[in-house]
Amino acid sequence: MARTGGRPRQIESADIVRAGRELGLRNLSMNAVAARLGVSSTALYRHVDGRWGLERLVGESLLAELDLRDAPGDGPVPHLLSTALQLRAFLLRHPGLTRYVQTLFPRGEGGRRLLATAAESLVRRGYSTEAGIVLSAAVASVAIGYAATEEAQFERVEGLDAQRQDVEEALRSDTRLGEAQRALPTIDADEYVRLWLGAAIRGFVEAAPPGRPVDEIRAALRAAGEGQ
């Protein structure tokens, strides 16, 4: 609880980060952090510029811990797939971080470091820095999208299995979809994401191979979208 008398408690940015991480980004708010630290929310404004600043302080401290492994012998497709899967796994271990990076990225040093690292890894594979940024961002956006869907399901885990079973039973009994549904293989979430991320990344690299300038990548993507 906030103190009601005497000298106000002195806090530092490190205290806000610690309290914010204990709460988690999903439950983060100025009032919640202030209550955990035993200060008024006004005291936080000496260190952060409102909710956006608070999110950035805590979110960037988490992103600073993401160390993407890079196997030098991997070509662009396996490298990008590995990077995307590492990103997805890290986001799912930190509830609320997916929404943080999905809303705006990069917001601070942690995000800029990750983007620079991702681009540099592609430069070593024959890309320009600009193309490396574009391709890394495209792959990350897909990985983040999968993580966001999974996190939304985790947030509503109560009753989810029963609801999923009802949906599957309705599909199997549907005269239009039932036969095809029964013929589909059963795969877990990890395999599903790996398969479709791999397919997406192969398409990205086909449009953006090593050495292709950004303007040519844009033209190739536009032509593909127009069916040319």
C-alpha atoms as a PDB file:
ATOM      1  CA  MET A   1       0.000   0.000   0.000  1.00  0.00           C
ATOM      2  CA  ALA A   2       1.093   3.584  -0.608  1.00  0.00           C
ATOM      3  CA  ARG A   3       2.429   5.394   2.431  1.00  0.00           C
ATOM      4  CA  THR A   4       0.108   7.897   4.065  1.00  0.00           C
ATOM      5  CA  GLY A   5       2.695   9.890   5.970  1.00  0.00           C
ATOM      6  CA  GLY A   6       6.376  10.620   6.367  1.00  0.00           C
ATOM      7  CA  ARG A   7       8.953  10.868   3.634  1.00  0.00           C
ATOM      8  CA  PRO A   8       7.811   9.348   0.326  1.00  0.00           C
ATOM      9  CA  ARG A   9       9.590   6.165  -0.615  1.00  0.00           C
ATOM     10  CA  GLN A  10      12.303   6.686  -3.216  1.00  0.00           C
ATOM     11  CA  ILE A  11      12.187   4.356  -6.219  1.00  0.00           C
ATOM     12  CA  GLU A  12      14.358   3.853  -9.275  1.00  0.00           C
ATOM     13  CA  SER A  13      13.693   2.572 -12.781  1.00  0.00           C
ATOM     14  CA  ALA A  14      15.082  -0.814 -11.748  1.00  0.00           C
ATOM     15  CA  ASP A  15      12.362  -1.071  -9.090  1.00  0.00           C
ATOM     16  CA  ILE A  16       9.682  -0.372 -11.693  1.00  0.00           C
ATOM     17  CA  VAL A  17      11.110  -3.003 -14.022  1.00  0.00           C
ATOM     18  CA  ARG A  18      11.211  -5.582 -11.247  1.00  0.00           C
ATOM     19  CA  ALA A  19       7.637  -4.867 -10.154  1.00  0.00           C
ATOM     20  CA  GLY A  20       6.403  -4.780 -13.737  1.00  0.00           C
ATOM     21  CA  ARG A  21       7.993  -8.117 -14.558  1.00  0.00           C
ATOM     22  CA  GLU A  22       6.512  -9.659 -11.430  1.00  0.00           C
ATOM     23  CA  LEU A  23       3.076  -8.492 -12.540  1.00  0.00           C
ATOM     24  CA  GLY A  24       3.662  -9.461 -16.164  1.00  0.00           C
ATOM     25  CA  LEU A  25       2.861  -7.379 -19.225  1.00  0.00           C
ATOM     26  CA  ARG A  26      -0.629  -8.841 -19.376  1.00  0.00           C
ATOM     27  CA  ASN A  27      -1.472  -7.332 -15.959  1.00  0.00           C
ATOM     28  CA  LEU A  28       0.674  -4.229 -16.254  1.00  0.00           C
ATOM     29  CA  SER A  29      -0.720  -0.835 -15.279  1.00  0.00           C
ATOM     30  CA  MET A  30       0.530   2.281 -13.536  1.00  0.00           C
ATOM     31  CA  ASN A  31      -1.709   1.662 -10.527  1.00  0.00           C
ATOM     32  CA  ALA A  32      -0.717  -2.005 -10.225  1.00  0.00           C
ATOM     33  CA  VAL A  33       3.005  -1.213 -10.300  1.00  0.00           C
ATOM     34  CA  ALA A  34       2.580   1.645  -7.842  1.00  0.00           C
ATOM     35  CA  ALA A  35       0.651  -0.570  -5.439  1.00  0.00           C
ATOM     36  CA  ARG A  36       3.294  -3.281  -5.611  1.00  0.00           C
ATOM     37  CA  LEU A  37       6.022  -0.746  -4.862  1.00  0.00           C
ATOM     38  CA  GLY A  38       4.066   0.967  -2.095  1.00  0.00           C
ATOM     39  CA  VAL A  39       4.068   4.371  -3.757  1.00  0.00           C
ATOM     40  CA  SER A  40       1.565   6.601  -5.491  1.00  0.00           C
ATOM     41  CA  SER A  41       1.197   6.330  -9.252  1.00  0.00           C
ATOM     42  CA  THR A  42       2.424   9.928  -9.430  1.00  0.00           C
ATOM     43  CA  ALA A  43       5.838   8.743  -8.249  1.00  0.00           C
ATOM     44  CA  LEU A  44       6.150   6.576 -11.354  1.00  0.00           C
ATOM     45  CA  TYR A  45       5.896   9.583 -13.671  1.00  0.00           C
ATOM     46  CA  ARG A  46       9.346  10.689 -12.552  1.00  0.00           C
ATOM     47  CA  HIS A  47      10.685   7.630 -14.377  1.00  0.00           C
ATOM     48  CA  VAL A  48       8.188   6.725 -17.107  1.00  0.00           C
ATOM     49  CA  ASP A  49       5.969   8.711 -19.445  1.00  0.00           C
ATOM     50  CA  GLY A  50       2.639   7.092 -18.653  1.00  0.00           C
ATOM     51  CA  ARG A  51       1.426   3.675 -19.773  1.00  0.00           C
ATOM     52  CA  TRP A  52       3.435   3.699 -22.998  1.00  0.00           C
ATOM     53  CA  GLY A  53       6.645   4.442 -21.142  1.00  0.00           C
ATOM     54  CA  LEU A  54       5.887   1.783 -18.532  1.00  0.00           C
ATOM     55  CA  GLU A  55       5.251  -0.842 -21.195  1.00  0.00           C
ATOM     56  CA  ARG A  56       8.428   0.118 -23.010  1.00  0.00           C
ATOM     57  CA  LEU A  57      10.540  -0.103 -19.854  1.00  0.00           C
ATOM     58  CA  VAL A  58       9.267  -3.563 -18.942  1.00  0.00           C
ATOM     59  CA  GLY A  59       8.911  -4.903 -22.478  1.00  0.00           C
ATOM     60  CA  GLU A  60      12.411  -3.895 -23.511  1.00  0.00           C
ATOM     61  CA  SER A  61      13.880  -5.490 -20.390  1.00  0.00           C
ATOM     62  CA  LEU A  62      12.308  -8.778 -21.498  1.00  0.00           C
ATOM     63  CA  LEU A  63      13.435  -8.459 -25.109  1.00  0.00           C
ATOM     64  CA  ALA A  64      16.992  -7.855 -23.877  1.00  0.00           C
ATOM     65  CA  GLU A  65      17.020 -11.484 -22.735  1.00  0.00           C
ATOM     66  CA  LEU A  66      16.155 -12.943 -26.143  1.00  0.00           C
ATOM     67  CA  ASP A  67      19.351 -14.309 -27.644  1.00  0.00           C
ATOM     68  CA  LEU A  68      18.625 -15.722 -31.096  1.00  0.00           C
ATOM     69  CA  ARG A  69      20.837 -18.683 -31.956  1.00  0.00           C
ATOM     70  CA  ASP A  70      22.334 -18.693 -35.444  1.00  0.00           C
ATOM     71  CA  ALA A  71      23.787 -21.822 -37.061  1.00  0.00           C
ATOM     72  CA  PRO A  72      26.280 -20.377 -39.590  1.00  0.00           C
ATOM     73  CA  GLY A  73      25.900 -23.295 -41.994  1.00  0.00           C
ATOM     74  CA  ASP A  74      22.151 -22.846 -42.427  1.00  0.00           C
ATOM     75  CA  GLY A  75      20.828 -21.288 -45.625  1.00  0.00           C
ATOM     76  CA  PRO A  76      18.219 -18.494 -45.550  1.00  0.00           C
ATOM     77  CA  VAL A  77      15.144 -20.754 -45.229  1.00  0.00           C
ATOM     78  CA  PRO A  78      16.266 -22.984 -42.317  1.00  0.00           C
ATOM     79  CA  HIS A  79      17.860 -19.992 -40.626  1.00  0.00           C
ATOM     80  CA  LEU A  80      14.706 -17.883 -40.813  1.00  0.00           C
ATOM     81  CA  LEU A  81      12.540 -20.803 -39.716  1.00  0.00           C
ATOM     82  CA  SER A  82      14.755 -21.393 -36.687  1.00  0.00           C
ATOM     83  CA  THR A  83      14.668 -17.692 -35.834  1.00  0.00           C
ATOM     84  CA  ALA A  84      10.878 -17.544 -36.156  1.00  0.00           C
ATOM     85  CA  LEU A  85      10.371 -20.601 -33.941  1.00  0.00           C
ATOM     86  CA  GLN A  86      12.742 -19.209 -31.311  1.00  0.00           C
ATOM     87  CA  LEU A  87      10.819 -15.928 -31.337  1.00  0.00           C
ATOM     88  CA  ARG A  88       7.469 -17.701 -31.007  1.00  0.00           C
ATOM     89  CA  ALA A  89       8.696 -19.827 -28.099  1.00  0.00           C
ATOM     90  CA  PHE A  90      10.106 -16.799 -26.267  1.00  0.00           C
ATOM     91  CA  LEU A  91       6.909 -14.800 -26.684  1.00  0.00           C
ATOM     92  CA  LEU A  92       4.772 -17.643 -25.367  1.00  0.00           C
ATOM     93  CA  ARG A  93       6.980 -17.903 -22.268  1.00  0.00           C
ATOM     94  CA  HIS A  94       6.245 -14.252 -21.462  1.00  0.00           C
ATOM     95  CA  PRO A  95       2.472 -13.603 -21.541  1.00  0.00           C
ATOM     96  CA  GLY A  96       1.650 -10.144 -22.829  1.00  0.00           C
ATOM     97  CA  LEU A  97       4.920  -9.694 -24.718  1.00  0.00           C
ATOM     98  CA  THR A  98       3.257 -10.776 -27.967  1.00  0.00           C
ATOM     99  CA  ARG A  99       0.812  -7.895 -27.762  1.00  0.00           C
ATOM    100  CA  TYR A 100       3.668  -5.543 -26.896  1.00  0.00           C
ATOM    101  CA  VAL A 101       5.665  -6.336 -30.034  1.00  0.00           C
ATOM    102  CA  GLN A 102       2.548  -6.635 -32.190  1.00  0.00           C
ATOM    103  CA  THR A 103       1.364  -3.147 -31.288  1.00  0.00           C
ATOM    104  CA  LEU A 104       4.585  -1.360 -32.240  1.00  0.00           C
ATOM    105  CA  PHE A 105       8.080  -2.670 -32.949  1.00  0.00           C
ATOM    106  CA  PRO A 106      10.789  -1.755 -32.238  1.00  0.00           C
ATOM    107  CA  ARG A 107       9.972   0.596 -29.389  1.00  0.00           C
ATOM    108  CA  GLY A 108      13.366   0.660 -27.705  1.00  0.00           C
ATOM    109  CA  GLU A 109      16.902  -0.649 -27.531  1.00  0.00           C
ATOM    110  CA  GLY A 110      15.932  -4.280 -26.952  1.00  0.00           C
ATOM    111  CA  GLY A 111      13.846  -4.345 -30.111  1.00  0.00           C
ATOM    112  CA  ARG A 112      16.428  -2.448 -32.161  1.00  0.00           C
ATOM    113  CA  ARG A 113      19.114  -4.895 -31.059  1.00  0.00           C
ATOM    114  CA  LEU A 114      17.013  -7.833 -32.175  1.00  0.00           C
ATOM    115  CA  LEU A 115      16.245  -6.231 -35.533  1.00  0.00           C
ATOM    116  CA  ALA A 116      19.910  -5.383 -36.096  1.00  0.00           C
ATOM    117  CA  THR A 117      20.967  -8.916 -35.145  1.00  0.00           C
ATOM    118  CA  ALA A 118      18.395 -10.439 -37.493  1.00  0.00           C
ATOM    119  CA  ALA A 119      19.463  -8.184 -40.366  1.00  0.00           C
ATOM    120  CA  GLU A 120      23.158  -8.891 -39.772  1.00  0.00           C
ATOM    121  CA  SER A 121      22.520 -12.629 -39.873  1.00  0.00           C
ATOM    122  CA  LEU A 122      21.014 -12.209 -43.341  1.00  0.00           C
ATOM    123  CA  VAL A 123      23.829  -9.934 -44.491  1.00  0.00           C
ATOM    124  CA  ARG A 124      26.145 -12.871 -43.775  1.00  0.00           C
ATOM    125  CA  ARG A 125      23.944 -14.879 -46.146  1.00  0.00           C
ATOM    126  CA  GLY A 126      24.250 -12.454 -49.053  1.00  0.00           C
ATOM    127  CA  TYR A 127      21.540  -9.859 -48.330  1.00  0.00           C
ATOM    128  CA  SER A 128      21.896  -6.112 -48.102  1.00  0.00           C
ATOM    129  CA  THR A 129      21.094  -4.583 -44.719  1.00  0.00           C
ATOM    130  CA  GLU A 130      17.877  -3.049 -46.130  1.00  0.00           C
ATOM    131  CA  ALA A 131      16.697  -6.362 -47.563  1.00  0.00           C
ATOM    132  CA  GLY A 132      17.666  -8.099 -44.324  1.00  0.00           C
ATOM    133  CA  ILE A 133      15.478  -5.713 -42.334  1.00  0.00           C
ATOM    134  CA  VAL A 134      12.524  -6.182 -44.694  1.00  0.00           C
ATOM    135  CA  LEU A 135      12.766  -9.979 -44.763  1.00  0.00           C
ATOM    136  CA  SER A 136      13.347 -10.309 -41.015  1.00  0.00           C
ATOM    137  CA  ALA A 137      10.354  -8.093 -40.265  1.00  0.00           C
ATOM    138  CA  ALA A 138       8.111 -10.092 -42.607  1.00  0.00           C
ATOM    139  CA  VAL A 139       9.052 -13.410 -41.019  1.00  0.00           C
ATOM    140  CA  ALA A 140       8.739 -12.002 -37.503  1.00  0.00           C
ATOM    141  CA  SER A 141       5.250 -10.660 -38.234  1.00  0.00           C
ATOM    142  CA  VAL A 142       4.037 -14.138 -39.187  1.00  0.00           C
ATOM    143  CA  ALA A 143       5.640 -15.751 -36.135  1.00  0.00           C
ATOM    144  CA  ILE A 144       4.138 -13.084 -33.887  1.00  0.00           C
ATOM    145  CA  GLY A 145       0.724 -13.681 -35.455  1.00  0.00           C
ATOM    146  CA  TYR A 146       0.849 -17.377 -34.588  1.00  0.00           C
ATOM    147  CA  ALA A 147       1.985 -16.562 -31.047  1.00  0.00           C
ATOM    148  CA  ALA A 148      -0.859 -14.051 -30.647  1.00  0.00           C
ATOM    149  CA  THR A 149      -3.440 -16.665 -31.641  1.00  0.00           C
ATOM    150  CA  GLU A 150      -1.988 -19.216 -29.246  1.00  0.00           C
ATOM    151  CA  GLU A 151      -1.781 -16.719 -26.406  1.00  0.00           C
ATOM    152  CA  ALA A 152      -5.410 -15.737 -26.921  1.00  0.00           C
ATOM    153  CA  GLN A 153      -6.334 -19.406 -26.537  1.00  0.00           C
ATOM    154  CA  PHE A 154      -4.241 -19.714 -23.377  1.00  0.00           C
ATOM    155  CA  GLU A 155      -6.044 -16.726 -21.895  1.00  0.00           C
ATOM    156  CA  ARG A 156      -9.363 -18.566 -22.338  1.00  0.00           C
ATOM    157  CA  VAL A 157      -8.111 -22.021 -21.423  1.00  0.00           C
ATOM    158  CA  GLU A 158     -11.043 -22.702 -19.078  1.00  0.00           C
ATOM    159  CA  GLY A 159     -13.526 -24.739 -21.086  1.00  0.00           C
ATOM    160  CA  LEU A 160     -11.418 -24.544 -24.249  1.00  0.00           C
ATOM    161  CA  ASP A 161     -10.957 -28.300 -24.618  1.00  0.00           C
ATOM    162  CA  ALA A 162     -14.711 -28.880 -24.367  1.00  0.00           C
ATOM    163  CA  GLN A 163     -15.414 -26.143 -26.885  1.00  0.00           C
ATOM    164  CA  ARG A 164     -12.773 -27.518 -29.253  1.00  0.00           C
ATOM    165  CA  GLN A 165     -14.309 -30.985 -29.002  1.00  0.00           C
ATOM    166  CA  ASP A 166     -17.749 -29.589 -29.799  1.00  0.00           C
ATOM    167  CA  VAL A 167     -16.370 -27.826 -32.863  1.00  0.00           C
ATOM    168  CA  GLU A 168     -14.596 -30.955 -34.094  1.00  0.00           C
ATOM    169  CA  GLU A 169     -17.712 -33.098 -33.615  1.00  0.00           C
ATOM    170  CA  ALA A 170     -19.808 -30.565 -35.507  1.00  0.00           C
ATOM    171  CA  LEU A 171     -17.294 -30.578 -38.373  1.00  0.00           C
ATOM    172  CA  ARG A 172     -17.217 -34.373 -38.566  1.00  0.00           C
ATOM    173  CA  SER A 173     -20.989 -34.553 -38.714  1.00  0.00           C
ATOM    174  CA  ASP A 174     -21.321 -31.779 -41.302  1.00  0.00           C
ATOM    175  CA  THR A 175     -22.485 -33.194 -44.656  1.00  0.00           C
ATOM    176  CA  ARG A 176     -20.288 -30.732 -46.567  1.00  0.00           C
ATOM    177  CA  LEU A 177     -17.115 -31.033 -44.480  1.00  0.00           C
ATOM    178  CA  GLY A 178     -17.351 -34.217 -42.458  1.00  0.00           C
ATOM    179  CA  GLU A 179     -15.686 -36.669 -44.850  1.00  0.00           C
ATOM    180  CA  ALA A 180     -12.716 -34.371 -45.457  1.00  0.00           C
ATOM    181  CA  GLN A 181     -12.437 -33.533 -41.761  1.00  0.00           C
ATOM    182  CA  ARG A 182     -12.264 -37.207 -40.809  1.00  0.00           C
ATOM    183  CA  ALA A 183      -9.481 -37.749 -43.354  1.00  0.00           C
ATOM    184  CA  LEU A 184      -7.292 -34.962 -41.981  1.00  0.00           C
ATOM    185  CA  PRO A 185      -4.239 -35.987 -39.912  1.00  0.00           C
ATOM    186  CA  THR A 186      -3.982 -34.931 -36.283  1.00  0.00           C
ATOM    187  CA  ILE A 187      -0.966 -32.730 -35.574  1.00  0.00           C
ATOM    188  CA  ASP A 188       0.017 -30.710 -32.535  1.00  0.00           C
ATOM    189  CA  ALA A 189       0.451 -26.946 -32.421  1.00  0.00           C
ATOM    190  CA  ASP A 190       4.245 -27.043 -32.679  1.00  0.00           C
ATOM    191  CA  GLU A 191       4.218 -29.134 -35.843  1.00  0.00           C
ATOM    192  CA  TYR A 192       1.396 -27.089 -37.358  1.00  0.00           C
ATOM    193  CA  VAL A 193       3.284 -23.832 -36.849  1.00  0.00           C
ATOM    194  CA  ARG A 194       6.558 -25.315 -38.086  1.00  0.00           C
ATOM    195  CA  LEU A 195       4.964 -26.626 -41.291  1.00  0.00           C
ATOM    196  CA  TRP A 196       3.154 -23.436 -42.241  1.00  0.00           C
ATOM    197  CA  LEU A 197       5.916 -21.104 -41.121  1.00  0.00           C
ATOM    198  CA  GLY A 198       8.307 -23.097 -43.269  1.00  0.00           C
ATOM    199  CA  ALA A 199       5.985 -22.780 -46.266  1.00  0.00           C
ATOM    200  CA  ALA A 200       5.599 -19.036 -45.731  1.00  0.00           C
ATOM    201  CA  ILE A 201       9.335 -18.516 -45.351  1.00  0.00           C
ATOM    202  CA  ARG A 202      10.105 -20.466 -48.518  1.00  0.00           C
ATOM    203  CA  GLY A 203       7.708 -18.123 -50.325  1.00  0.00           C
ATOM    204  CA  PHE A 204       9.377 -15.071 -48.781  1.00  0.00           C
ATOM    205  CA  VAL A 205      12.841 -16.217 -49.810  1.00  0.00           C
ATOM    206  CA  GLU A 206      11.621 -17.009 -53.309  1.00  0.00           C
ATOM    207  CA  ALA A 207      10.466 -13.401 -53.627  1.00  0.00           C
ATOM    208  CA  ALA A 208      13.515 -12.073 -51.754  1.00  0.00           C
ATOM    209  CA  PRO A 209      16.546 -14.223 -52.578  1.00  0.00           C
ATOM    210  CA  PRO A 210      20.041 -13.180 -51.470  1.00  0.00           C
ATOM    211  CA  GLY A 211      21.357 -10.271 -53.513  1.00  0.00           C
ATOM    212  CA  ARG A 212      17.996  -8.958 -54.735  1.00  0.00           C
ATOM    213  CA  PRO A 213      17.570  -5.213 -54.034  1.00  0.00           C
ATOM    214  CA  VAL A 214      14.582  -4.026 -52.017  1.00  0.00           C
ATOM    215  CA  ASP A 215      12.923  -2.293 -54.985  1.00  0.00           C
ATOM    216  CA  GLU A 216      13.072  -5.543 -56.971  1.00  0.00           C
ATOM    217  CA  ILE A 217      11.669  -7.457 -53.992  1.00  0.00           C
ATOM    218  CA  ARG A 218       8.771  -5.020 -53.873  1.00  0.00           C
ATOM    219  CA  ALA A 219       8.173  -5.424 -57.615  1.00  0.00           C
ATOM    220  CA  ALA A 220       8.227  -9.221 -57.314  1.00  0.00           C
ATOM    221  CA  LEU A 221       5.741  -9.167 -54.463  1.00  0.00           C
ATOM    222  CA  ARG A 222       3.449  -6.800 -56.335  1.00  0.00           C
ATOM    223  CA  ALA A 223       3.590  -8.988 -59.446  1.00  0.00           C
ATOM    224  CA  ALA A 224       2.837 -12.104 -57.401  1.00  0.00           C
ATOM    225  CA  GLY A 225      -0.167 -10.410 -55.813  1.00  0.00           C
ATOM    226  CA  GLU A 226      -1.475  -9.360 -59.211  1.00  0.00           C
ATOM    227  CA  GLY A 227      -0.978 -12.839 -60.662  1.00  0.00           C
ATOM    228  CA  GLN A 228       1.605 -11.717 -63.223  1.00  0.00           C
END
